[in-house]
Amino acid sequence: GRGRVRIIIFRQADAVILQAYDVAKASPVEGMLYPLLDQSIHVPAYYIYGLAYDGTRLWVSADGDMSAILAAADPATGATEVFTLKYEYFPMGGAYDSLNRTLWVPMMGVLGDSSIMAVDPRTGPTYQILGTCGLQVAFDGKLLWVLKADRIVGVDPASGEARAVAYLGGPASFSTFTYSNGFLWLLSYETGSVLSVAIP
């Protein structure tokens, strides 16, 4: 959501739950738990790394049958288009850049290297590489924020140049992050807590 409440998805026992999270108070909204609707979209994958929405389709980055894939799914119909990636990289998530109408997908290489690839939502992967690297990204309406080891770098998607930096104060232990109302919200896989970082 773009307002003060965001929805976080998590698994509880045998159910998938939607939890309302108050951005202003940095805490869950009491009594606002919603079981996920019994609706699913099949993606031919063994492990899903990330999910992004381009305004029309959901983009799933995943391990496919024999290689890494990006799958574009229509939430209304369930129709899915699968793009097999030709490089030895694993897609780790994604963020939609509404200004340039581009989906940016972090890619982790088998040798530990990484890059960020541009995806045209209409035709699929372009194999255009952004001039920086990182394993998680978020878009704030102007800059693409890239999670590094100890900081988050705001990159101009058009030029690939760094425009801003937010330091985390130590090595990152975050599995994913997103943008809302002037803050980047990071989820720690070590503590399960959510950290907010004001954009400089």
Protein backbone atom coordinates (compact mmCIF):
# COMPACT_ATOMS: atom_id res chain seq x y z
CA GLY A 1 0.00 0.00 0.00
CA ARG A 2 1.00 3.62 -0.50
CA GLY A 3 -0.64 4.86 2.72
CA ARG A 4 0.08 4.34 6.41
CA VAL A 5 -0.86 0.64 6.38
CA ARG A 6 1.03 -2.06 4.50
CA ILE A 7 0.06 -5.70 4.15
CA ILE A 8 2.65 -8.35 5.06
CA ILE A 9 2.20 -11.99 3.98
CA PHE A 10 3.38 -14.82 6.23
CA ARG A 11 2.61 -18.46 6.97
CA GLN A 12 0.90 -19.48 10.21
CA ALA A 13 0.41 -23.23 10.82
CA ASP A 14 -1.24 -24.52 7.62
CA ALA A 15 -2.53 -21.17 6.39
CA VAL A 16 -1.09 -18.16 4.61
CA ILE A 17 -2.03 -14.96 6.44
CA LEU A 18 -2.20 -11.30 5.48
CA GLN A 19 -1.18 -9.04 8.38
CA ALA A 20 -1.92 -5.32 8.35
CA TYR A 21 1.15 -3.35 9.47
CA ASP A 22 0.92 0.27 10.66
CA VAL A 23 3.81 2.15 9.03
CA ALA A 24 3.55 5.19 11.30
CA LYS A 25 3.65 3.14 14.52
CA ALA A 26 5.99 0.47 13.12
CA SER A 27 3.80 -2.27 14.57
CA PRO A 28 1.10 -4.75 13.48
CA VAL A 29 -2.46 -3.48 13.49
CA GLU A 30 -4.27 -5.33 16.27
CA GLY A 31 -7.09 -7.57 15.10
CA MET A 32 -6.32 -7.14 11.40
CA LEU A 33 -5.36 -10.64 10.29
CA TYR A 34 -6.80 -11.92 7.02
CA PRO A 35 -6.56 -15.50 5.74
CA LEU A 36 -5.35 -15.44 2.15
CA LEU A 37 -8.14 -16.06 -0.35
CA ASP A 38 -8.25 -19.53 -1.83
CA GLN A 39 -6.78 -18.38 -5.12
CA SER A 40 -3.51 -19.57 -6.58
CA ILE A 41 -1.51 -19.21 -9.77
CA HIS A 42 0.60 -22.15 -10.91
CA VAL A 43 4.25 -21.38 -11.70
CA PRO A 44 6.52 -24.21 -12.95
CA ALA A 45 9.19 -23.67 -10.32
CA TYR A 46 10.92 -25.44 -7.46
CA TYR A 47 11.81 -22.39 -5.38
CA ILE A 48 10.47 -18.84 -5.60
CA TYR A 49 12.86 -16.00 -4.76
CA GLY A 50 10.76 -12.91 -5.26
CA LEU A 51 7.59 -11.22 -6.46
CA ALA A 52 6.93 -7.87 -8.15
CA TYR A 53 3.91 -6.19 -9.76
CA ASP A 54 4.06 -3.99 -12.86
CA GLY A 55 0.47 -2.74 -12.70
CA THR A 56 -0.81 -5.55 -14.91
CA ARG A 57 1.03 -8.79 -14.18
CA LEU A 58 2.77 -10.42 -11.22
CA TRP A 59 6.41 -11.28 -11.91
CA VAL A 60 7.79 -14.32 -10.12
CA SER A 61 11.54 -14.96 -10.01
CA ALA A 62 12.26 -18.63 -9.41
CA ASP A 63 14.23 -21.81 -10.03
CA GLY A 64 12.60 -23.61 -12.94
CA ASP A 65 12.91 -27.21 -14.13
CA MET A 66 16.44 -26.95 -15.54
CA SER A 67 17.26 -23.24 -15.24
CA ALA A 68 16.26 -20.00 -13.58
CA ILE A 69 13.05 -18.42 -14.85
CA LEU A 70 10.91 -15.30 -14.70
CA ALA A 71 7.19 -15.99 -14.84
CA ALA A 72 4.66 -13.25 -15.62
CA ALA A 73 1.20 -14.12 -14.29
CA ASP A 74 -2.12 -12.38 -14.87
CA PRO A 75 -3.89 -12.25 -11.45
CA ALA A 76 -7.32 -12.01 -13.13
CA THR A 77 -7.05 -15.04 -15.40
CA GLY A 78 -4.14 -17.03 -13.98
CA ALA A 79 -2.50 -17.11 -17.43
CA THR A 80 1.28 -17.40 -17.05
CA GLU A 81 4.11 -16.62 -19.47
CA VAL A 82 7.49 -18.14 -18.59
CA PHE A 83 10.86 -16.70 -19.64
CA THR A 84 13.86 -19.00 -19.29
CA LEU A 85 17.02 -17.03 -18.44
CA LYS A 86 20.01 -17.78 -20.62
CA TYR A 87 22.70 -16.87 -18.10
CA GLU A 88 23.88 -18.85 -15.09
CA TYR A 89 22.20 -16.45 -12.71
CA PHE A 90 19.37 -16.77 -10.22
CA PRO A 91 16.77 -13.96 -10.08
CA MET A 92 16.42 -12.78 -6.46
CA GLY A 93 13.39 -10.48 -6.53
CA GLY A 94 12.36 -7.41 -8.45
CA ALA A 95 11.06 -3.85 -8.38
CA TYR A 96 8.94 -2.07 -10.98
CA ASP A 97 10.20 1.29 -12.22
CA SER A 98 7.01 3.12 -13.21
CA LEU A 99 8.91 6.08 -14.72
CA ASN A 100 10.83 4.01 -17.26
CA ARG A 101 8.28 1.16 -17.38
CA THR A 102 10.98 -1.35 -16.54
CA LEU A 103 11.14 -4.23 -14.11
CA TRP A 104 14.56 -4.41 -12.44
CA VAL A 105 15.57 -7.90 -11.32
CA PRO A 106 18.62 -8.62 -9.10
CA MET A 107 20.58 -11.63 -10.38
CA MET A 108 22.97 -13.74 -8.28
CA GLY A 109 25.68 -15.58 -10.21
CA VAL A 110 26.87 -19.11 -9.48
CA LEU A 111 30.29 -17.68 -8.55
CA GLY A 112 28.81 -15.23 -6.05
CA ASP A 113 28.80 -12.26 -8.40
CA SER A 114 25.65 -10.24 -8.95
CA SER A 115 24.03 -7.82 -11.37
CA ILE A 116 20.68 -6.14 -11.93
CA MET A 117 18.87 -6.87 -15.19
CA ALA A 118 16.22 -4.80 -16.96
CA VAL A 119 13.00 -6.57 -17.97
CA ASP A 120 10.51 -5.12 -20.43
CA PRO A 121 7.09 -6.09 -18.99
CA ARG A 122 5.71 -6.45 -22.53
CA THR A 123 8.42 -8.69 -24.01
CA GLY A 124 10.49 -10.08 -21.13
CA PRO A 125 14.22 -9.97 -20.23
CA THR A 126 16.33 -7.47 -22.16
CA TYR A 127 19.68 -8.51 -20.65
CA GLN A 128 20.48 -4.82 -20.22
CA ILE A 129 22.53 -4.60 -17.02
CA LEU A 130 22.33 -1.70 -14.56
CA GLY A 131 25.66 -0.08 -13.69
CA THR A 132 25.61 -1.35 -10.11
CA CYS A 133 24.89 -4.63 -8.35
CA GLY A 134 23.01 -5.96 -5.33
CA LEU A 135 20.62 -8.75 -4.38
CA GLN A 136 17.51 -6.75 -3.42
CA VAL A 137 15.93 -3.64 -4.94
CA ALA A 138 13.06 -1.22 -4.27
CA PHE A 139 11.74 1.76 -6.25
CA ASP A 140 10.59 5.03 -4.64
CA GLY A 141 9.13 6.71 -7.72
CA LYS A 142 12.45 8.29 -8.74
CA LEU A 143 15.39 6.15 -7.65
CA LEU A 144 16.03 2.43 -7.63
CA TRP A 145 17.39 1.51 -4.18
CA VAL A 146 19.92 -1.33 -4.12
CA LEU A 147 20.76 -3.24 -0.95
CA LYS A 148 24.52 -3.60 -0.41
CA ALA A 149 26.55 -5.20 2.42
CA ASP A 150 26.27 -2.24 4.82
CA ARG A 151 24.24 0.39 2.96
CA ILE A 152 21.43 1.07 0.50
CA VAL A 153 22.35 2.97 -2.64
CA GLY A 154 19.84 5.08 -4.59
CA VAL A 155 20.54 4.65 -8.31
CA ASP A 156 19.19 6.64 -11.25
CA PRO A 157 17.69 3.85 -13.41
CA ALA A 158 18.20 5.86 -16.62
CA SER A 159 21.95 6.43 -16.17
CA GLY A 160 22.95 3.78 -13.61
CA GLU A 161 24.64 6.50 -11.52
CA ALA A 162 24.43 6.53 -7.71
CA ARG A 163 22.49 9.56 -6.44
CA ALA A 164 22.11 8.87 -2.71
CA VAL A 165 23.29 6.54 0.05
CA ALA A 166 21.67 5.40 3.31
CA TYR A 167 24.04 3.62 5.69
CA LEU A 168 22.84 0.72 7.84
CA GLY A 169 25.54 0.92 10.52
CA GLY A 170 26.87 -2.60 9.96
CA PRO A 171 26.64 -5.71 7.80
CA ALA A 172 23.14 -6.27 6.44
CA SER A 173 21.03 -9.22 7.62
CA PHE A 174 17.98 -8.35 5.56
CA SER A 175 16.12 -10.73 3.26
CA THR A 176 13.99 -8.13 1.50
CA PHE A 177 12.85 -4.52 1.63
CA THR A 178 10.30 -2.15 0.15
CA TYR A 179 9.46 1.56 -0.07
CA SER A 180 6.58 3.49 1.53
CA ASN A 181 6.02 7.18 2.34
CA GLY A 182 9.64 8.36 2.39
CA PHE A 183 11.03 5.29 4.17
CA LEU A 184 12.67 2.05 3.13
CA TRP A 185 11.37 -0.87 5.21
CA LEU A 186 13.77 -3.79 5.66
CA LEU A 187 12.93 -7.25 6.99
CA SER A 188 15.69 -8.93 9.04
CA TYR A 189 15.99 -12.68 8.55
CA GLU A 190 17.98 -12.96 11.81
CA THR A 191 15.58 -11.22 14.20
CA GLY A 192 12.30 -11.16 12.27
CA SER A 193 12.07 -7.42 12.94
CA VAL A 194 11.33 -4.62 10.47
CA LEU A 195 13.74 -1.66 10.23
CA SER A 196 12.75 1.69 8.75
CA VAL A 197 15.35 3.87 7.04
CA ALA A 198 14.55 7.45 6.06
CA ILE A 199 15.58 8.26 2.52
CA PRO A 200 18.19 11.04 2.51
